[in-house]
Amino acid sequence: MKGVPQLGRCVGNWLTAAEGEQLLAGLDRQTLRGKRDAASISLLLGCGLRRSEAVGLKTGDFQRRDGRWAIVDLVGKAGHVRTVPVPGWVKSAVETWTVSVQVAPPLSAYRFNPSCQLSSTVSSRSFCGVSSGVITRNR
């Protein structure tokens, strides 16, 4: 509508759908690093997660609801809790990564561990490095 003030702005560089597909297509899914990158980038693009939200994902966060996969009770920005639908191709990429690293209990709580090493703590910096490194390599 004309004359209506616009609240908020689009900040940053947004990817188009074609750029997102190109980014995912450029990953080498035969290596552990490529599988991890595919899973993390798929979560960011397919579910619209923030990096901090993706880093904190645990195995129990993925649940089947009404025949569909979802990330349940995701605590996001400002402590808001939401449920996020997970497309099948994203779930497949995450499962491929999880099976590849052979995550076993009790260390399986977190989905993404820095440098493919199993540890109970996950740093946001390692995940941020993954996402920015993938984007830089594929440009």
N, C-alpha and C. Protein backbone atom coordinates (compact mmCIF):
# COMPACT_ATOMS: atom_id res chain seq x y z
N MET A 1 0.83 -1.18 0.00
CA MET A 1 0.00 0.00 0.00
C MET A 1 0.87 1.24 0.00
N LYS A 2 0.43 2.22 -0.73
CA LYS A 2 1.15 3.48 -0.76
C LYS A 2 0.92 4.25 0.52
N GLY A 3 1.96 4.87 0.98
CA GLY A 3 1.85 5.73 2.14
C GLY A 3 1.96 5.03 3.48
N VAL A 4 2.01 3.73 3.48
CA VAL A 4 2.13 3.00 4.74
C VAL A 4 3.61 2.86 5.06
N PRO A 5 4.02 3.30 6.25
CA PRO A 5 5.45 3.17 6.58
C PRO A 5 5.85 1.70 6.70
N GLN A 6 7.04 1.39 6.21
CA GLN A 6 7.54 0.02 6.26
C GLN A 6 8.35 -0.15 7.54
N LEU A 7 7.98 -1.13 8.33
CA LEU A 7 8.70 -1.41 9.56
C LEU A 7 9.71 -2.52 9.29
N GLY A 8 10.92 -2.34 9.76
CA GLY A 8 11.95 -3.35 9.58
C GLY A 8 12.56 -3.30 8.19
N ARG A 9 13.67 -4.00 8.04
CA ARG A 9 14.38 -4.05 6.77
C ARG A 9 14.96 -5.42 6.56
N CYS A 10 15.22 -5.75 5.31
CA CYS A 10 15.95 -6.97 4.98
C CYS A 10 17.42 -6.64 5.09
N VAL A 11 18.08 -7.25 6.04
CA VAL A 11 19.49 -6.98 6.27
C VAL A 11 20.30 -8.16 5.78
N GLY A 12 21.44 -7.91 5.18
CA GLY A 12 22.33 -8.97 4.73
C GLY A 12 22.10 -9.33 3.29
N ASN A 13 22.83 -10.33 2.83
CA ASN A 13 22.70 -10.81 1.46
C ASN A 13 21.87 -12.08 1.46
N TRP A 14 20.73 -12.03 0.82
CA TRP A 14 19.82 -13.18 0.77
C TRP A 14 20.11 -13.98 -0.49
N LEU A 15 20.06 -15.30 -0.36
CA LEU A 15 20.24 -16.17 -1.51
C LEU A 15 18.91 -16.39 -2.22
N THR A 16 18.97 -16.47 -3.54
CA THR A 16 17.79 -16.87 -4.29
C THR A 16 17.69 -18.39 -4.22
N ALA A 17 16.57 -18.94 -4.66
CA ALA A 17 16.40 -20.40 -4.66
C ALA A 17 17.46 -21.06 -5.54
N ALA A 18 17.74 -20.45 -6.68
CA ALA A 18 18.74 -21.00 -7.60
C ALA A 18 20.14 -20.98 -6.98
N GLU A 19 20.46 -19.92 -6.26
CA GLU A 19 21.76 -19.83 -5.59
C GLU A 19 21.87 -20.87 -4.48
N GLY A 20 20.78 -21.12 -3.76
CA GLY A 20 20.78 -22.15 -2.72
C GLY A 20 20.99 -23.53 -3.31
N GLU A 21 20.32 -23.81 -4.42
CA GLU A 21 20.49 -25.10 -5.09
C GLU A 21 21.91 -25.26 -5.60
N GLN A 22 22.47 -24.19 -6.14
CA GLN A 22 23.85 -24.22 -6.64
C GLN A 22 24.83 -24.46 -5.50
N LEU A 23 24.57 -23.84 -4.36
CA LEU A 23 25.42 -24.03 -3.19
C LEU A 23 25.42 -25.48 -2.74
N LEU A 24 24.25 -26.09 -2.67
CA LEU A 24 24.14 -27.49 -2.26
C LEU A 24 24.73 -28.43 -3.31
N ALA A 25 24.56 -28.11 -4.58
CA ALA A 25 25.06 -28.97 -5.65
C ALA A 25 26.59 -28.97 -5.70
N GLY A 26 27.22 -27.92 -5.21
CA GLY A 26 28.67 -27.81 -5.25
C GLY A 26 29.40 -28.57 -4.16
N LEU A 27 28.67 -29.22 -3.27
CA LEU A 27 29.29 -29.94 -2.16
C LEU A 27 29.67 -31.36 -2.58
N ASP A 28 30.83 -31.83 -2.10
CA ASP A 28 31.27 -33.20 -2.35
C ASP A 28 30.70 -34.08 -1.25
N ARG A 29 29.62 -34.77 -1.54
CA ARG A 29 28.92 -35.57 -0.53
C ARG A 29 29.55 -36.94 -0.30
N GLN A 30 30.71 -37.17 -0.87
CA GLN A 30 31.40 -38.45 -0.66
C GLN A 30 32.33 -38.39 0.55
N THR A 31 32.70 -37.19 1.00
CA THR A 31 33.60 -37.04 2.14
C THR A 31 32.79 -36.71 3.38
N LEU A 32 33.37 -36.94 4.56
CA LEU A 32 32.70 -36.59 5.80
C LEU A 32 32.43 -35.10 5.88
N ARG A 33 33.41 -34.32 5.48
CA ARG A 33 33.26 -32.87 5.51
C ARG A 33 32.11 -32.44 4.61
N GLY A 34 32.02 -33.02 3.41
CA GLY A 34 30.95 -32.69 2.49
C GLY A 34 29.58 -33.07 3.02
N LYS A 35 29.49 -34.23 3.69
CA LYS A 35 28.22 -34.67 4.27
C LYS A 35 27.80 -33.75 5.41
N ARG A 36 28.78 -33.36 6.23
CA ARG A 36 28.49 -32.43 7.33
C ARG A 36 28.04 -31.08 6.79
N ASP A 37 28.76 -30.59 5.78
CA ASP A 37 28.39 -29.31 5.18
C ASP A 37 27.01 -29.37 4.54
N ALA A 38 26.71 -30.47 3.87
CA ALA A 38 25.40 -30.63 3.24
C ALA A 38 24.29 -30.62 4.28
N ALA A 39 24.51 -31.32 5.39
CA ALA A 39 23.51 -31.37 6.45
C ALA A 39 23.30 -29.99 7.09
N SER A 40 24.38 -29.30 7.38
CA SER A 40 24.27 -28.00 8.03
C SER A 40 23.66 -26.95 7.10
N ILE A 41 24.10 -26.91 5.87
CA ILE A 41 23.56 -25.94 4.92
C ILE A 41 22.10 -26.28 4.61
N SER A 42 21.76 -27.56 4.54
CA SER A 42 20.37 -27.96 4.30
C SER A 42 19.46 -27.46 5.43
N LEU A 43 19.92 -27.57 6.68
CA LEU A 43 19.14 -27.08 7.80
C LEU A 43 18.94 -25.57 7.73
N LEU A 44 20.00 -24.88 7.37
CA LEU A 44 19.91 -23.42 7.30
C LEU A 44 18.95 -22.99 6.19
N LEU A 45 19.08 -23.61 5.03
CA LEU A 45 18.26 -23.22 3.88
C LEU A 45 16.85 -23.81 3.93
N GLY A 46 16.74 -25.09 4.21
CA GLY A 46 15.45 -25.77 4.14
C GLY A 46 14.53 -25.49 5.29
N CYS A 47 15.10 -25.25 6.48
CA CYS A 47 14.27 -25.01 7.66
C CYS A 47 14.29 -23.55 8.11
N GLY A 48 15.19 -22.77 7.53
CA GLY A 48 15.29 -21.37 7.91
C GLY A 48 15.83 -21.17 9.30
N LEU A 49 16.70 -22.08 9.74
CA LEU A 49 17.27 -21.96 11.09
C LEU A 49 18.39 -20.93 11.12
N ARG A 50 18.57 -20.33 12.27
CA ARG A 50 19.74 -19.49 12.50
C ARG A 50 20.91 -20.41 12.84
N ARG A 51 22.12 -19.92 12.65
CA ARG A 51 23.30 -20.76 12.95
C ARG A 51 23.29 -21.21 14.40
N SER A 52 22.96 -20.31 15.31
CA SER A 52 22.95 -20.66 16.73
C SER A 52 21.90 -21.73 17.03
N GLU A 53 20.78 -21.71 16.31
CA GLU A 53 19.75 -22.72 16.51
C GLU A 53 20.21 -24.08 15.99
N ALA A 54 20.87 -24.08 14.84
CA ALA A 54 21.33 -25.33 14.24
C ALA A 54 22.41 -25.98 15.09
N VAL A 55 23.28 -25.18 15.68
CA VAL A 55 24.35 -25.71 16.52
C VAL A 55 23.79 -26.42 17.75
N GLY A 56 22.72 -25.91 18.29
CA GLY A 56 22.15 -26.47 19.51
C GLY A 56 21.22 -27.65 19.30
N LEU A 57 21.04 -28.09 18.05
CA LEU A 57 20.11 -29.20 17.80
C LEU A 57 20.59 -30.49 18.45
N LYS A 58 19.65 -31.20 19.02
CA LYS A 58 19.94 -32.50 19.62
C LYS A 58 19.13 -33.55 18.90
N THR A 59 19.51 -34.80 19.07
CA THR A 59 18.85 -35.90 18.40
C THR A 59 17.35 -35.93 18.71
N GLY A 60 16.98 -35.67 19.94
CA GLY A 60 15.58 -35.72 20.34
C GLY A 60 14.74 -34.57 19.81
N ASP A 61 15.38 -33.54 19.26
CA ASP A 61 14.63 -32.40 18.73
C ASP A 61 13.87 -32.76 17.46
N PHE A 62 14.33 -33.77 16.73
CA PHE A 62 13.64 -34.21 15.52
C PHE A 62 12.57 -35.22 15.90
N GLN A 63 11.33 -34.89 15.63
CA GLN A 63 10.23 -35.79 15.98
C GLN A 63 9.26 -35.88 14.81
N ARG A 64 8.56 -36.98 14.77
CA ARG A 64 7.56 -37.19 13.73
C ARG A 64 6.20 -36.77 14.28
N ARG A 65 5.57 -35.82 13.63
CA ARG A 65 4.26 -35.32 14.04
C ARG A 65 3.31 -35.38 12.86
N ASP A 66 2.23 -36.08 13.01
CA ASP A 66 1.22 -36.23 11.95
C ASP A 66 1.84 -36.69 10.63
N GLY A 67 2.78 -37.62 10.72
CA GLY A 67 3.40 -38.17 9.52
C GLY A 67 4.47 -37.30 8.90
N ARG A 68 4.84 -36.21 9.56
CA ARG A 68 5.86 -35.30 9.03
C ARG A 68 6.93 -35.06 10.08
N TRP A 69 8.15 -34.79 9.61
CA TRP A 69 9.24 -34.50 10.52
C TRP A 69 9.20 -33.03 10.92
N ALA A 70 9.57 -32.78 12.18
CA ALA A 70 9.60 -31.41 12.69
C ALA A 70 10.67 -31.31 13.77
N ILE A 71 11.19 -30.11 13.93
CA ILE A 71 12.07 -29.81 15.06
C ILE A 71 11.15 -29.20 16.10
N VAL A 72 10.98 -29.90 17.20
CA VAL A 72 9.99 -29.55 18.20
C VAL A 72 10.62 -28.74 19.33
N ASP A 73 9.89 -27.74 19.77
CA ASP A 73 10.30 -26.89 20.90
C ASP A 73 11.68 -26.29 20.71
N LEU A 74 11.92 -25.72 19.56
CA LEU A 74 13.19 -25.06 19.26
C LEU A 74 13.21 -23.70 19.94
N VAL A 75 14.19 -23.49 20.79
CA VAL A 75 14.31 -22.21 21.48
C VAL A 75 15.19 -21.31 20.62
N GLY A 76 14.61 -20.22 20.17
CA GLY A 76 15.31 -19.33 19.25
C GLY A 76 15.63 -17.99 19.89
N LYS A 77 15.67 -17.00 19.03
CA LYS A 77 16.02 -15.65 19.41
C LYS A 77 15.06 -15.13 20.49
N ALA A 78 15.60 -14.49 21.48
CA ALA A 78 14.84 -13.90 22.59
C ALA A 78 14.06 -14.95 23.38
N GLY A 79 14.48 -16.21 23.29
CA GLY A 79 13.85 -17.27 24.06
C GLY A 79 12.51 -17.74 23.53
N HIS A 80 12.17 -17.34 22.31
CA HIS A 80 10.90 -17.78 21.72
C HIS A 80 10.98 -19.26 21.37
N VAL A 81 9.94 -19.99 21.67
CA VAL A 81 9.87 -21.43 21.39
C VAL A 81 8.96 -21.64 20.19
N ARG A 82 9.44 -22.44 19.23
CA ARG A 82 8.65 -22.71 18.03
C ARG A 82 8.88 -24.13 17.55
N THR A 83 8.00 -24.59 16.69
CA THR A 83 8.15 -25.88 16.04
C THR A 83 8.38 -25.61 14.56
N VAL A 84 9.43 -26.22 14.01
CA VAL A 84 9.83 -25.95 12.64
C VAL A 84 9.65 -27.22 11.80
N PRO A 85 8.91 -27.14 10.69
CA PRO A 85 8.78 -28.31 9.81
C PRO A 85 10.10 -28.62 9.12
N VAL A 86 10.39 -29.90 8.94
CA VAL A 86 11.63 -30.33 8.30
C VAL A 86 11.29 -31.06 7.00
N PRO A 87 11.69 -30.47 5.85
CA PRO A 87 11.44 -31.17 4.58
C PRO A 87 12.19 -32.50 4.53
N GLY A 88 11.69 -33.43 3.74
CA GLY A 88 12.29 -34.75 3.64
C GLY A 88 13.74 -34.73 3.19
N TRP A 89 14.08 -33.84 2.25
CA TRP A 89 15.46 -33.78 1.75
C TRP A 89 16.41 -33.27 2.82
N VAL A 90 15.93 -32.44 3.74
CA VAL A 90 16.77 -31.96 4.84
C VAL A 90 17.00 -33.09 5.84
N LYS A 91 15.93 -33.80 6.18
CA LYS A 91 16.04 -34.93 7.12
C LYS A 91 16.99 -35.98 6.57
N SER A 92 16.92 -36.23 5.27
CA SER A 92 17.80 -37.20 4.62
C SER A 92 19.26 -36.78 4.73
N ALA A 93 19.55 -35.51 4.50
CA ALA A 93 20.93 -35.01 4.59
C ALA A 93 21.46 -35.12 6.02
N VAL A 94 20.62 -34.80 6.99
CA VAL A 94 21.04 -34.89 8.41
C VAL A 94 21.28 -36.34 8.80
N GLU A 95 20.41 -37.25 8.37
CA GLU A 95 20.58 -38.67 8.68
C GLU A 95 21.83 -39.24 8.02
N THR A 96 22.12 -38.82 6.80
CA THR A 96 23.33 -39.28 6.12
C THR A 96 24.56 -38.87 6.91
N TRP A 97 24.57 -37.65 7.41
CA TRP A 97 25.69 -37.16 8.22
C TRP A 97 25.79 -37.94 9.52
N THR A 98 24.67 -38.13 10.21
CA THR A 98 24.66 -38.82 11.50
C THR A 98 25.15 -40.26 11.36
N VAL A 99 24.69 -40.96 10.33
CA VAL A 99 25.11 -42.35 10.11
C VAL A 99 26.59 -42.41 9.73
N SER A 100 27.06 -41.45 8.95
CA SER A 100 28.46 -41.44 8.49
C SER A 100 29.45 -41.31 9.63
N VAL A 101 29.11 -40.50 10.63
CA VAL A 101 30.05 -40.32 11.74
C VAL A 101 29.81 -41.33 12.84
N GLN A 102 28.83 -42.19 12.66
CA GLN A 102 28.52 -43.27 13.59
C GLN A 102 28.40 -42.75 15.02
N VAL A 103 27.53 -41.77 15.17
CA VAL A 103 27.29 -41.18 16.48
C VAL A 103 26.64 -42.23 17.38
N ALA A 104 27.24 -42.44 18.54
CA ALA A 104 26.72 -43.45 19.47
C ALA A 104 26.42 -42.80 20.81
N PRO A 105 25.42 -43.30 21.54
CA PRO A 105 25.11 -42.76 22.86
C PRO A 105 26.30 -42.94 23.79
N PRO A 106 26.53 -42.11 24.74
CA PRO A 106 25.75 -40.94 25.15
C PRO A 106 26.16 -39.66 24.42
N LEU A 107 27.15 -39.74 23.54
CA LEU A 107 27.63 -38.54 22.87
C LEU A 107 26.76 -38.13 21.69
N SER A 108 25.67 -38.80 21.47
CA SER A 108 24.83 -38.51 20.31
C SER A 108 23.84 -37.39 20.56
N ALA A 109 23.94 -36.75 21.71
CA ALA A 109 22.97 -35.70 22.01
C ALA A 109 23.00 -34.59 20.97
N TYR A 110 24.20 -34.19 20.55
CA TYR A 110 24.32 -33.10 19.60
C TYR A 110 24.54 -33.64 18.20
N ARG A 111 23.94 -32.99 17.21
CA ARG A 111 24.04 -33.43 15.82
C ARG A 111 25.35 -33.02 15.17
N PHE A 112 25.85 -31.83 15.50
CA PHE A 112 27.04 -31.32 14.84
C PHE A 112 28.14 -31.10 15.85
N ASN A 113 29.26 -31.76 15.62
CA ASN A 113 30.41 -31.65 16.50
C ASN A 113 31.57 -31.11 15.68
N PRO A 114 32.39 -30.22 16.28
CA PRO A 114 33.48 -29.62 15.53
C PRO A 114 34.48 -30.67 15.05
N SER A 115 34.92 -30.52 13.81
CA SER A 115 35.98 -31.35 13.22
C SER A 115 35.68 -32.84 13.25
N CYS A 116 34.43 -33.22 13.21
CA CYS A 116 34.00 -34.62 13.21
C CYS A 116 34.44 -35.36 14.46
N GLN A 117 34.81 -34.65 15.51
CA GLN A 117 35.21 -35.32 16.74
C GLN A 117 34.01 -35.32 17.68
N LEU A 118 33.77 -36.43 18.31
CA LEU A 118 32.65 -36.52 19.22
C LEU A 118 33.00 -35.87 20.54
N SER A 119 32.21 -34.87 20.89
CA SER A 119 32.39 -34.22 22.18
C SER A 119 31.02 -33.75 22.64
N SER A 120 30.88 -33.52 23.92
CA SER A 120 29.57 -33.14 24.43
C SER A 120 29.31 -31.65 24.28
N THR A 121 30.33 -30.87 23.92
CA THR A 121 30.11 -29.44 23.73
C THR A 121 30.30 -29.09 22.27
N VAL A 122 29.51 -28.17 21.82
CA VAL A 122 29.58 -27.73 20.43
C VAL A 122 29.74 -26.24 20.43
N SER A 123 30.73 -25.75 19.71
CA SER A 123 30.93 -24.31 19.69
C SER A 123 30.24 -23.70 18.49
N SER A 124 29.64 -22.56 18.71
CA SER A 124 28.98 -21.84 17.63
C SER A 124 30.00 -21.38 16.61
N ARG A 125 31.22 -21.11 17.06
CA ARG A 125 32.26 -20.64 16.14
C ARG A 125 32.61 -21.71 15.12
N SER A 126 32.62 -22.98 15.51
CA SER A 126 32.97 -24.03 14.55
C SER A 126 31.88 -24.14 13.48
N PHE A 127 30.63 -24.01 13.86
CA PHE A 127 29.54 -24.09 12.90
C PHE A 127 29.55 -22.87 11.99
N CYS A 128 29.81 -21.71 12.55
CA CYS A 128 29.88 -20.50 11.73
C CYS A 128 31.00 -20.62 10.72
N GLY A 129 32.11 -21.23 11.12
CA GLY A 129 33.21 -21.45 10.19
C GLY A 129 32.83 -22.38 9.07
N VAL A 130 32.02 -23.40 9.37
CA VAL A 130 31.55 -24.33 8.35
C VAL A 130 30.72 -23.59 7.33
N SER A 131 29.73 -22.83 7.79
CA SER A 131 28.83 -22.18 6.85
C SER A 131 29.53 -21.12 6.04
N SER A 132 30.39 -20.32 6.64
CA SER A 132 31.07 -19.29 5.86
C SER A 132 32.12 -19.90 4.95
N GLY A 133 32.76 -20.98 5.38
CA GLY A 133 33.75 -21.65 4.53
C GLY A 133 33.13 -22.28 3.31
N VAL A 134 31.97 -22.88 3.47
CA VAL A 134 31.28 -23.50 2.33
C VAL A 134 30.86 -22.45 1.33
N ILE A 135 30.32 -21.35 1.82
CA ILE A 135 29.88 -20.29 0.94
C ILE A 135 31.06 -19.70 0.18
N THR A 136 32.20 -19.51 0.86
CA THR A 136 33.38 -18.95 0.22
C THR A 136 33.92 -19.90 -0.83
N ARG A 137 33.99 -21.22 -0.54
CA ARG A 137 34.52 -22.20 -1.48
C ARG A 137 33.67 -22.31 -2.73
N ASN A 138 32.38 -22.12 -2.60
CA ASN A 138 31.47 -22.35 -3.72
C ASN A 138 31.15 -21.11 -4.54
N ARG A 139 31.73 -20.02 -4.25
CA ARG A 139 31.47 -18.79 -5.03
C ARG A 139 32.38 -18.72 -6.21
